[in-house]
Amino acid sequence: MEKIDYYLNHEEERQRIALRGLSRTLRDHTYRNRLHELLSITNGESQ
């Protein structure tokens, strides 16, 4: 509950965290990255 209250009262920090998460999602969670990971696993390659 304390964290909820904190972030509800700190809009800029909450937005900064959200934008960092969005940036990481767009960078790391693409079809290309997922396909590469899937093929690596099915081919028995270590990550």
PDB file of N, CA and C in Angstrom:
ATOM      1  N   MET A   1       0.828  -1.191   0.000  1.00  0.00           N
ATOM      2  CA  MET A   1       0.000   0.000   0.000  1.00  0.00           C
ATOM      3  C   MET A   1       0.875   1.258   0.000  1.00  0.00           C
ATOM      4  N   GLU A   2       2.012   1.177   0.679  1.00  0.00           N
ATOM      5  CA  GLU A   2       2.887   2.349   0.723  1.00  0.00           C
ATOM      6  C   GLU A   2       3.412   2.703  -0.661  1.00  0.00           C
ATOM      7  N   LYS A   3       3.796   1.687  -1.434  1.00  0.00           N
ATOM      8  CA  LYS A   3       4.295   1.951  -2.783  1.00  0.00           C
ATOM      9  C   LYS A   3       3.196   2.525  -3.672  1.00  0.00           C
ATOM     10  N   ILE A   4       1.998   2.023  -3.522  1.00  0.00           N
ATOM     11  CA  ILE A   4       0.871   2.549  -4.297  1.00  0.00           C
ATOM     12  C   ILE A   4       0.686   4.024  -3.989  1.00  0.00           C
ATOM     13  N   ASP A   5       0.639   4.352  -2.716  1.00  0.00           N
ATOM     14  CA  ASP A   5       0.476   5.747  -2.311  1.00  0.00           C
ATOM     15  C   ASP A   5       1.631   6.602  -2.832  1.00  0.00           C
ATOM     16  N   TYR A   6       2.845   6.073  -2.744  1.00  0.00           N
ATOM     17  CA  TYR A   6       4.014   6.822  -3.182  1.00  0.00           C
ATOM     18  C   TYR A   6       3.900   7.183  -4.659  1.00  0.00           C
ATOM     19  N   TYR A   7       3.648   6.174  -5.492  1.00  0.00           N
ATOM     20  CA  TYR A   7       3.616   6.420  -6.927  1.00  0.00           C
ATOM     21  C   TYR A   7       2.385   7.198  -7.370  1.00  0.00           C
ATOM     22  N   LEU A   8       1.303   7.099  -6.639  1.00  0.00           N
ATOM     23  CA  LEU A   8       0.144   7.932  -6.944  1.00  0.00           C
ATOM     24  C   LEU A   8       0.445   9.403  -6.670  1.00  0.00           C
ATOM     25  N   ASN A   9       1.363   9.654  -5.769  1.00  0.00           N
ATOM     26  CA  ASN A   9       1.717  11.029  -5.411  1.00  0.00           C
ATOM     27  C   ASN A   9       2.963  11.538  -6.128  1.00  0.00           C
ATOM     28  N   HIS A  10       3.582  10.728  -6.959  1.00  0.00           N
ATOM     29  CA  HIS A  10       4.796  11.115  -7.687  1.00  0.00           C
ATOM     30  C   HIS A  10       4.621  10.795  -9.168  1.00  0.00           C
ATOM     31  N   GLU A  11       3.803  11.616  -9.813  1.00  0.00           N
ATOM     32  CA  GLU A  11       3.428  11.409 -11.215  1.00  0.00           C
ATOM     33  C   GLU A  11       4.625  11.345 -12.154  1.00  0.00           C
ATOM     34  N   GLU A  12       5.570  12.255 -12.023  1.00  0.00           N
ATOM     35  CA  GLU A  12       6.714  12.291 -12.938  1.00  0.00           C
ATOM     36  C   GLU A  12       7.559  11.024 -12.828  1.00  0.00           C
ATOM     37  N   GLU A  13       7.782  10.559 -11.627  1.00  0.00           N
ATOM     38  CA  GLU A  13       8.569   9.339 -11.444  1.00  0.00           C
ATOM     39  C   GLU A  13       7.838   8.132 -12.025  1.00  0.00           C
ATOM     40  N   ARG A  14       6.543   8.097 -11.813  1.00  0.00           N
ATOM     41  CA  ARG A  14       5.730   7.003 -12.349  1.00  0.00           C
ATOM     42  C   ARG A  14       5.784   6.999 -13.876  1.00  0.00           C
ATOM     43  N   GLN A  15       5.695   8.153 -14.503  1.00  0.00           N
ATOM     44  CA  GLN A  15       5.768   8.240 -15.956  1.00  0.00           C
ATOM     45  C   GLN A  15       7.152   7.852 -16.465  1.00  0.00           C
ATOM     46  N   ARG A  16       8.206   8.242 -15.753  1.00  0.00           N
ATOM     47  CA  ARG A  16       9.568   7.894 -16.156  1.00  0.00           C
ATOM     48  C   ARG A  16       9.755   6.376 -16.149  1.00  0.00           C
ATOM     49  N   ILE A  17       9.251   5.717 -15.121  1.00  0.00           N
ATOM     50  CA  ILE A  17       9.347   4.257 -15.033  1.00  0.00           C
ATOM     51  C   ILE A  17       8.555   3.609 -16.173  1.00  0.00           C
ATOM     52  N   ALA A  18       7.368   4.125 -16.433  1.00  0.00           N
ATOM     53  CA  ALA A  18       6.532   3.572 -17.500  1.00  0.00           C
ATOM     54  C   ALA A  18       7.208   3.726 -18.858  1.00  0.00           C
ATOM     55  N   LEU A  19       7.819   4.872 -19.111  1.00  0.00           N
ATOM     56  CA  LEU A  19       8.487   5.093 -20.395  1.00  0.00           C
ATOM     57  C   LEU A  19       9.721   4.216 -20.550  1.00  0.00           C
ATOM     58  N   ARG A  20      10.437   3.982 -19.465  1.00  0.00           N
ATOM     59  CA  ARG A  20      11.577   3.065 -19.530  1.00  0.00           C
ATOM     60  C   ARG A  20      11.109   1.653 -19.849  1.00  0.00           C
ATOM     61  N   GLY A  21      10.001   1.232 -19.242  1.00  0.00           N
ATOM     62  CA  GLY A  21       9.441  -0.089 -19.534  1.00  0.00           C
ATOM     63  C   GLY A  21       8.995  -0.207 -20.984  1.00  0.00           C
ATOM     64  N   LEU A  22       8.356   0.833 -21.490  1.00  0.00           N
ATOM     65  CA  LEU A  22       7.925   0.841 -22.886  1.00  0.00           C
ATOM     66  C   LEU A  22       9.130   0.771 -23.816  1.00  0.00           C
ATOM     67  N   SER A  23      10.155   1.544 -23.515  1.00  0.00           N
ATOM     68  CA  SER A  23      11.363   1.544 -24.334  1.00  0.00           C
ATOM     69  C   SER A  23      11.994   0.156 -24.382  1.00  0.00           C
ATOM     70  N   ARG A  24      12.087  -0.491 -23.242  1.00  0.00           N
ATOM     71  CA  ARG A  24      12.669  -1.838 -23.190  1.00  0.00           C
ATOM     72  C   ARG A  24      11.815  -2.838 -23.963  1.00  0.00           C
ATOM     73  N   THR A  25      10.511  -2.712 -23.829  1.00  0.00           N
ATOM     74  CA  THR A  25       9.609  -3.611 -24.545  1.00  0.00           C
ATOM     75  C   THR A  25       9.800  -3.474 -26.050  1.00  0.00           C
ATOM     76  N   LEU A  26       9.831  -2.247 -26.527  1.00  0.00           N
ATOM     77  CA  LEU A  26       9.984  -2.025 -27.964  1.00  0.00           C
ATOM     78  C   LEU A  26      11.353  -2.473 -28.463  1.00  0.00           C
ATOM     79  N   ARG A  27      12.377  -2.380 -27.618  1.00  0.00           N
ATOM     80  CA  ARG A  27      13.731  -2.758 -28.004  1.00  0.00           C
ATOM     81  C   ARG A  27      13.948  -4.269 -27.942  1.00  0.00           C
ATOM     82  N   ASP A  28      13.492  -4.910 -26.877  1.00  0.00           N
ATOM     83  CA  ASP A  28      13.851  -6.299 -26.600  1.00  0.00           C
ATOM     84  C   ASP A  28      12.801  -7.333 -26.961  1.00  0.00           C
ATOM     85  N   HIS A  29      11.564  -6.947 -27.060  1.00  0.00           N
ATOM     86  CA  HIS A  29      10.492  -7.934 -27.246  1.00  0.00           C
ATOM     87  C   HIS A  29       9.880  -7.810 -28.637  1.00  0.00           C
ATOM     88  N   THR A  30      10.724  -8.013 -29.637  1.00  0.00           N
ATOM     89  CA  THR A  30      10.276  -7.938 -31.023  1.00  0.00           C
ATOM     90  C   THR A  30      10.099  -9.351 -31.583  1.00  0.00           C
ATOM     91  N   TYR A  31       9.407  -9.439 -32.694  1.00  0.00           N
ATOM     92  CA  TYR A  31       9.262 -10.744 -33.343  1.00  0.00           C
ATOM     93  C   TYR A  31      10.627 -11.296 -33.728  1.00  0.00           C
ATOM     94  N   ARG A  32      11.515 -10.434 -34.194  1.00  0.00           N
ATOM     95  CA  ARG A  32      12.849 -10.873 -34.594  1.00  0.00           C
ATOM     96  C   ARG A  32      13.588 -11.495 -33.404  1.00  0.00           C
ATOM     97  N   ASN A  33      13.563 -10.829 -32.259  1.00  0.00           N
ATOM     98  CA  ASN A  33      14.241 -11.361 -31.074  1.00  0.00           C
ATOM     99  C   ASN A  33      13.599 -12.662 -30.601  1.00  0.00           C
ATOM    100  N   ARG A  34      12.285 -12.702 -30.627  1.00  0.00           N
ATOM    101  CA  ARG A  34      11.587 -13.919 -30.187  1.00  0.00           C
ATOM    102  C   ARG A  34      11.885 -15.087 -31.123  1.00  0.00           C
ATOM    103  N   LEU A  35      11.885 -14.831 -32.425  1.00  0.00           N
ATOM    104  CA  LEU A  35      12.170 -15.895 -33.386  1.00  0.00           C
ATOM    105  C   LEU A  35      13.598 -16.400 -33.200  1.00  0.00           C
ATOM    106  N   HIS A  36      14.532 -15.492 -33.011  1.00  0.00           N
ATOM    107  CA  HIS A  36      15.920 -15.888 -32.785  1.00  0.00           C
ATOM    108  C   HIS A  36      16.029 -16.758 -31.522  1.00  0.00           C
ATOM    109  N   GLU A  37      15.350 -16.357 -30.461  1.00  0.00           N
ATOM    110  CA  GLU A  37      15.376 -17.133 -29.223  1.00  0.00           C
ATOM    111  C   GLU A  37      14.751 -18.515 -29.436  1.00  0.00           C
ATOM    112  N   LEU A  38      13.629 -18.572 -30.133  1.00  0.00           N
ATOM    113  CA  LEU A  38      12.954 -19.842 -30.402  1.00  0.00           C
ATOM    114  C   LEU A  38      13.845 -20.771 -31.218  1.00  0.00           C
ATOM    115  N   LEU A  39      14.464 -20.235 -32.271  1.00  0.00           N
ATOM    116  CA  LEU A  39      15.328 -21.065 -33.108  1.00  0.00           C
ATOM    117  C   LEU A  39      16.563 -21.537 -32.347  1.00  0.00           C
ATOM    118  N   SER A  40      17.103 -20.684 -31.496  1.00  0.00           N
ATOM    119  CA  SER A  40      18.258 -21.083 -30.684  1.00  0.00           C
ATOM    120  C   SER A  40      17.903 -22.241 -29.766  1.00  0.00           C
ATOM    121  N   ILE A  41      16.740 -22.171 -29.168  1.00  0.00           N
ATOM    122  CA  ILE A  41      16.316 -23.229 -28.243  1.00  0.00           C
ATOM    123  C   ILE A  41      16.047 -24.524 -29.006  1.00  0.00           C
ATOM    124  N   THR A  42      15.353 -24.426 -30.125  1.00  0.00           N
ATOM    125  CA  THR A  42      15.031 -25.646 -30.879  1.00  0.00           C
ATOM    126  C   THR A  42      16.247 -26.266 -31.531  1.00  0.00           C
ATOM    127  N   ASN A  43      17.276 -25.469 -31.801  1.00  0.00           N
ATOM    128  CA  ASN A  43      18.506 -25.998 -32.374  1.00  0.00           C
ATOM    129  C   ASN A  43      19.506 -26.453 -31.304  1.00  0.00           C
ATOM    130  N   GLY A  44      19.125 -26.337 -30.046  1.00  0.00           N
ATOM    131  CA  GLY A  44      19.976 -26.795 -28.950  1.00  0.00           C
ATOM    132  C   GLY A  44      21.145 -25.872 -28.641  1.00  0.00           C
ATOM    133  N   GLU A  45      21.071 -24.654 -29.107  1.00  0.00           N
ATOM    134  CA  GLU A  45      22.133 -23.692 -28.818  1.00  0.00           C
ATOM    135  C   GLU A  45      21.904 -23.072 -27.445  1.00  0.00           C
ATOM    136  N   SER A  46      22.995 -22.840 -26.731  1.00  0.00           N
ATOM    137  CA  SER A  46      22.852 -22.189 -25.434  1.00  0.00           C
ATOM    138  C   SER A  46      22.659 -20.698 -25.660  1.00  0.00           C
ATOM    139  N   GLN A  47      22.056 -20.062 -24.673  1.00  0.00           N
ATOM    140  CA  GLN A  47      21.763 -18.636 -24.799  1.00  0.00           C
ATOM    141  C   GLN A  47      22.822 -17.801 -24.202  1.00  0.00           C
TER     142      GLN A  47
END
